[in-house]
């Protein structure tokens, strides 16, 4: 029997059972550190915010319903071909953990940030994300995952330097611009394209804790720390 069980077969199970939970644990502590750094929270408060976002990931709030494209199905009944035309509905929703909570946190930082550099960084980052975001049928609005956080950090760093503000503001600056630019550039500006995604429920931030909006804020802070 041992001749039929060899490492290539066992390796995927090892990666699934051992490494995946390990990376989840790293992500949990990294996110807690991000909340402590950006929002001046202690460890307990940071973990509470993280768990609130995780729980919110389970909640989608419908905000709009519209008619989708006509779906034509052909049926063959004893050699007679006939068509049935149906119009599928599209329900637009927002996810609490993947969209609403990160956006609230991003807006909460605005009073601490210089507004003109922030607004310019927000516009530039949103424009770049909008350009690269594409509707994918059956998936949603897809954008290269690493692009939004990198752009928010680099553009934020440039704006703070040009206007003469302390670079120590970069983590808060990058979190706020990254989250809101990802929401605006990838999702809001592409609402006109949701028919191309298909029918059913289209949720902004629907992947919850692992959605691009929330991950943009987390990775933007991590990348910004490397520049300090």
Protein backbone atom coordinates (compact mmCIF):
# COMPACT_ATOMS: atom_id res chain seq x y z
CA UNK A 1 0.00 0.00 0.00
CA UNK A 2 2.82 2.41 0.79
CA UNK A 3 3.91 2.24 -2.87
CA UNK A 4 0.70 4.02 -3.85
CA UNK A 5 0.92 6.86 -1.31
CA UNK A 6 3.70 9.28 -2.11
CA UNK A 7 4.53 12.95 -1.40
CA UNK A 8 2.85 14.48 -4.50
CA UNK A 9 -0.46 13.08 -3.23
CA UNK A 10 0.09 14.10 0.39
CA UNK A 11 1.45 17.59 -0.30
CA UNK A 12 -1.90 19.24 -1.16
CA UNK A 13 -3.43 17.86 2.04
CA UNK A 14 -0.47 19.20 4.02
CA UNK A 15 -0.86 22.64 2.46
CA UNK A 16 -4.60 22.65 3.12
CA UNK A 17 -4.54 21.40 6.71
CA UNK A 18 -1.35 23.05 7.98
CA UNK A 19 -0.31 26.06 5.93
CA UNK A 20 -3.75 27.59 5.22
CA UNK A 21 -4.73 27.93 8.91
CA UNK A 22 -1.22 29.26 9.55
CA UNK A 23 -1.66 32.03 6.98
CA UNK A 24 -5.12 32.82 8.37
CA UNK A 25 -3.54 33.25 11.80
CA UNK A 26 -0.85 35.54 10.39
CA UNK A 27 -3.52 37.60 8.62
CA UNK A 28 -5.51 37.91 11.84
CA UNK A 29 -2.55 39.28 13.83
CA UNK A 30 -1.38 41.49 10.95
CA UNK A 31 -4.83 43.04 10.65
CA UNK A 32 -4.98 43.62 14.40
CA UNK A 33 -1.62 45.40 14.21
CA UNK A 34 -2.91 47.55 11.35
CA UNK A 35 -5.91 48.66 13.44
CA UNK A 36 -3.66 49.44 16.39
CA UNK A 37 -1.31 51.52 14.25
CA UNK A 38 -3.89 53.42 12.21
CA UNK A 39 -6.64 53.97 14.76
CA UNK A 40 -4.55 54.12 17.96
CA UNK A 41 -6.39 51.16 19.50
CA UNK A 42 -5.13 48.70 22.07
CA UNK A 43 -4.92 44.99 21.19
CA UNK A 44 -8.33 44.13 22.63
CA UNK A 45 -10.08 46.93 20.77
CA UNK A 46 -8.30 46.04 17.52
CA UNK A 47 -9.40 42.41 17.79
CA UNK A 48 -12.96 43.50 18.55
CA UNK A 49 -13.02 45.62 15.37
CA UNK A 50 -11.62 42.71 13.36
CA UNK A 51 -14.25 40.29 14.68
CA UNK A 52 -16.96 42.87 13.96
CA UNK A 53 -15.81 42.98 10.34
CA UNK A 54 -15.72 39.17 10.14
CA UNK A 55 -19.29 38.93 11.47
CA UNK A 56 -20.37 41.74 9.14
CA UNK A 57 -19.03 39.70 6.23
CA UNK A 58 -22.05 37.43 6.65
CA UNK A 59 -24.52 40.28 6.11
CA UNK A 60 -25.52 41.65 2.70
CA UNK A 61 -27.99 44.53 2.57
CA UNK A 62 -30.00 44.87 -0.68
CA UNK A 63 -30.12 48.47 -1.90
CA UNK A 64 -31.30 48.25 -5.52
CA UNK A 65 -33.08 45.87 -7.86
CA UNK A 66 -33.14 46.23 -11.62
CA UNK A 67 -34.06 44.21 -14.65
CA UNK A 68 -31.17 42.31 -16.19
CA UNK A 69 -30.64 41.11 -19.73
CA UNK A 70 -33.06 38.88 -21.58
CA UNK A 71 -32.10 35.21 -21.35
CA UNK A 72 -33.19 33.08 -24.30
CA UNK A 73 -33.40 29.32 -23.82
CA UNK A 74 -34.13 26.88 -26.64
CA UNK A 75 -36.00 23.62 -26.08
CA UNK A 76 -36.43 20.69 -28.46
CA UNK A 77 -39.73 18.86 -28.04
CA UNK A 78 -40.09 15.91 -30.46
CA UNK A 79 -38.27 17.80 -33.17
CA UNK A 80 -40.09 21.06 -32.59
CA UNK A 81 -37.71 23.79 -31.44
CA UNK A 82 -39.16 26.65 -29.45
CA UNK A 83 -37.67 29.48 -27.42
CA UNK A 84 -38.45 30.81 -23.97
CA UNK A 85 -37.40 34.37 -23.26
CA UNK A 86 -36.88 35.37 -19.63
CA UNK A 87 -35.68 38.60 -18.09
CA UNK A 88 -33.48 37.94 -15.08
CA UNK A 89 -33.42 40.39 -12.17
CA UNK A 90 -30.24 41.80 -10.67
CA UNK A 91 -30.14 42.72 -6.99
CA UNK A 92 -27.40 45.11 -5.90
CA UNK A 93 -26.33 44.75 -2.27
CA UNK A 94 -23.58 46.00 0.02
CA UNK A 95 -21.67 43.74 2.38
CA UNK A 96 -21.31 45.04 5.93
CA UNK A 97 -17.85 43.58 6.59
CA UNK A 98 -16.39 44.03 3.14
CA UNK A 99 -17.74 47.49 2.31
CA UNK A 100 -19.70 49.37 5.00
CA UNK A 101 -17.39 48.93 8.01
CA UNK A 102 -14.12 49.60 6.10
CA UNK A 103 -15.68 52.70 4.54
CA UNK A 104 -16.77 54.01 7.94
CA UNK A 105 -13.25 53.49 9.26
CA UNK A 106 -11.79 55.27 6.22
CA UNK A 107 -14.10 58.29 6.66
CA UNK A 108 -13.27 58.36 10.37
CA UNK A 109 -9.64 59.17 9.49
CA UNK A 110 -10.43 62.19 7.31
CA UNK A 111 -10.39 64.83 10.11
CA UNK A 112 -6.79 63.79 10.88
CA UNK A 113 -5.58 64.15 7.28
CA UNK A 114 -4.78 67.11 4.99
CA UNK A 115 -7.83 67.26 2.72
CA UNK A 116 -6.38 68.73 -0.50
CA UNK A 117 -3.56 66.15 -0.82
CA UNK A 118 -6.01 63.44 0.23
CA UNK A 119 -8.59 64.45 -2.37
CA UNK A 120 -6.01 64.56 -5.17
CA UNK A 121 -4.63 61.17 -4.13
CA UNK A 122 -8.17 59.78 -3.99
CA UNK A 123 -8.96 61.00 -7.52
CA UNK A 124 -5.73 59.66 -9.03
CA UNK A 125 -5.98 56.29 -7.29
CA UNK A 126 -9.66 55.94 -8.23
CA UNK A 127 -8.88 56.71 -11.89
CA UNK A 128 -6.14 54.07 -12.05
CA UNK A 129 -8.30 51.43 -10.34
CA UNK A 130 -11.22 52.26 -12.62
CA UNK A 131 -9.03 51.77 -15.68
CA UNK A 132 -7.88 48.31 -14.64
CA UNK A 133 -11.15 47.07 -13.08
CA UNK A 134 -13.20 44.89 -15.41
CA UNK A 135 -16.62 43.24 -15.00
CA UNK A 136 -16.31 39.44 -15.08
CA UNK A 137 -19.47 37.47 -15.71
CA UNK A 138 -20.44 35.33 -12.74
CA UNK A 139 -17.66 36.83 -10.57
CA UNK A 140 -18.07 40.59 -10.20
CA UNK A 141 -15.75 43.54 -10.75
CA UNK A 142 -12.21 42.16 -10.94
CA UNK A 143 -9.07 44.22 -10.43
CA UNK A 144 -5.45 43.09 -9.92
CA UNK A 145 -5.32 42.61 -6.13
CA UNK A 146 -1.93 44.21 -5.55
CA UNK A 147 -2.63 47.33 -7.66
CA UNK A 148 -4.95 49.37 -5.36
CA UNK A 149 -2.77 49.20 -2.20
CA UNK A 150 0.45 49.92 -4.09
CA UNK A 151 -1.10 52.88 -5.92
CA UNK A 152 -2.60 54.31 -2.72
CA UNK A 153 0.79 54.13 -0.99
CA UNK A 154 2.89 55.55 -3.84
CA UNK A 155 0.46 58.33 -4.69
CA UNK A 156 -0.09 59.10 -1.00
CA UNK A 157 3.65 59.29 -0.41
CA UNK A 158 4.02 61.65 -3.39
CA UNK A 159 1.21 63.93 -2.27
CA UNK A 160 2.45 64.21 1.29
CA UNK A 161 5.95 65.00 0.03
CA UNK A 162 4.78 67.57 -2.54
CA UNK A 163 2.62 69.46 -0.04
CA UNK A 164 5.19 69.19 2.75
CA UNK A 165 3.24 67.10 5.25
CA UNK A 166 4.87 64.52 7.58
CA UNK A 167 5.40 61.11 5.99
CA UNK A 168 4.35 59.58 9.32
CA UNK A 169 0.78 60.27 8.18
CA UNK A 170 1.21 57.76 5.35
CA UNK A 171 -0.38 54.67 7.02
CA UNK A 172 -3.59 56.55 7.83
CA UNK A 173 -3.48 58.38 4.50
CA UNK A 174 -2.99 55.17 2.50
CA UNK A 175 -5.70 53.25 4.38
CA UNK A 176 -8.30 55.96 3.83
CA UNK A 177 -7.51 56.68 0.17
CA UNK A 178 -7.05 52.99 -0.64
CA UNK A 179 -10.36 51.82 0.80
CA UNK A 180 -12.47 54.64 -0.64
CA UNK A 181 -10.69 54.65 -4.02
CA UNK A 182 -11.20 50.88 -4.34
CA UNK A 183 -14.88 51.34 -3.51
CA UNK A 184 -15.32 54.28 -5.88
CA UNK A 185 -13.06 53.26 -8.77
CA UNK A 186 -13.81 49.54 -8.90
CA UNK A 187 -17.43 49.36 -7.77
CA UNK A 188 -19.36 52.63 -7.86
CA UNK A 189 -18.04 53.81 -11.23
CA UNK A 190 -18.72 50.36 -12.68
CA UNK A 191 -22.35 50.15 -11.56
CA UNK A 192 -23.31 50.81 -15.17
CA UNK A 193 -21.62 47.52 -16.09
CA UNK A 194 -23.36 45.22 -13.60
CA UNK A 195 -25.58 43.77 -16.32
CA UNK A 196 -22.45 42.23 -17.79
CA UNK A 197 -21.86 40.32 -14.56
CA UNK A 198 -25.07 38.32 -14.90
CA UNK A 199 -28.22 37.87 -12.89
CA UNK A 200 -28.79 37.26 -9.21
CA UNK A 201 -27.22 39.18 -6.32
CA UNK A 202 -24.24 41.46 -6.97
CA UNK A 203 -22.71 42.43 -3.64
CA UNK A 204 -20.25 45.30 -3.21
CA UNK A 205 -17.61 43.97 -0.84
CA UNK A 206 -19.30 40.58 -1.04
CA UNK A 207 -16.14 38.62 -0.28
CA UNK A 208 -16.22 40.22 3.18
CA UNK A 209 -12.95 40.15 5.08
CA UNK A 210 -11.16 38.93 1.98
CA UNK A 211 -12.72 41.46 -0.39
CA UNK A 212 -10.58 43.89 -2.35
CA UNK A 213 -11.91 46.94 -0.49
CA UNK A 214 -10.91 45.69 2.95
CA UNK A 215 -7.66 44.05 1.80
CA UNK A 216 -6.64 47.25 0.04
CA UNK A 217 -6.72 49.11 3.34
CA UNK A 218 -4.80 46.39 5.22
CA UNK A 219 -2.06 45.95 2.62
CA UNK A 220 -1.79 49.70 2.03
CA UNK A 221 -0.85 50.15 5.69
CA UNK A 222 1.62 47.23 5.56
CA UNK A 223 3.29 48.62 2.43
CA UNK A 224 3.35 52.17 3.79
CA UNK A 225 5.21 51.03 6.92
CA UNK A 226 8.02 49.82 4.64
CA UNK A 227 8.49 53.41 3.40
CA UNK A 228 8.69 55.03 6.84
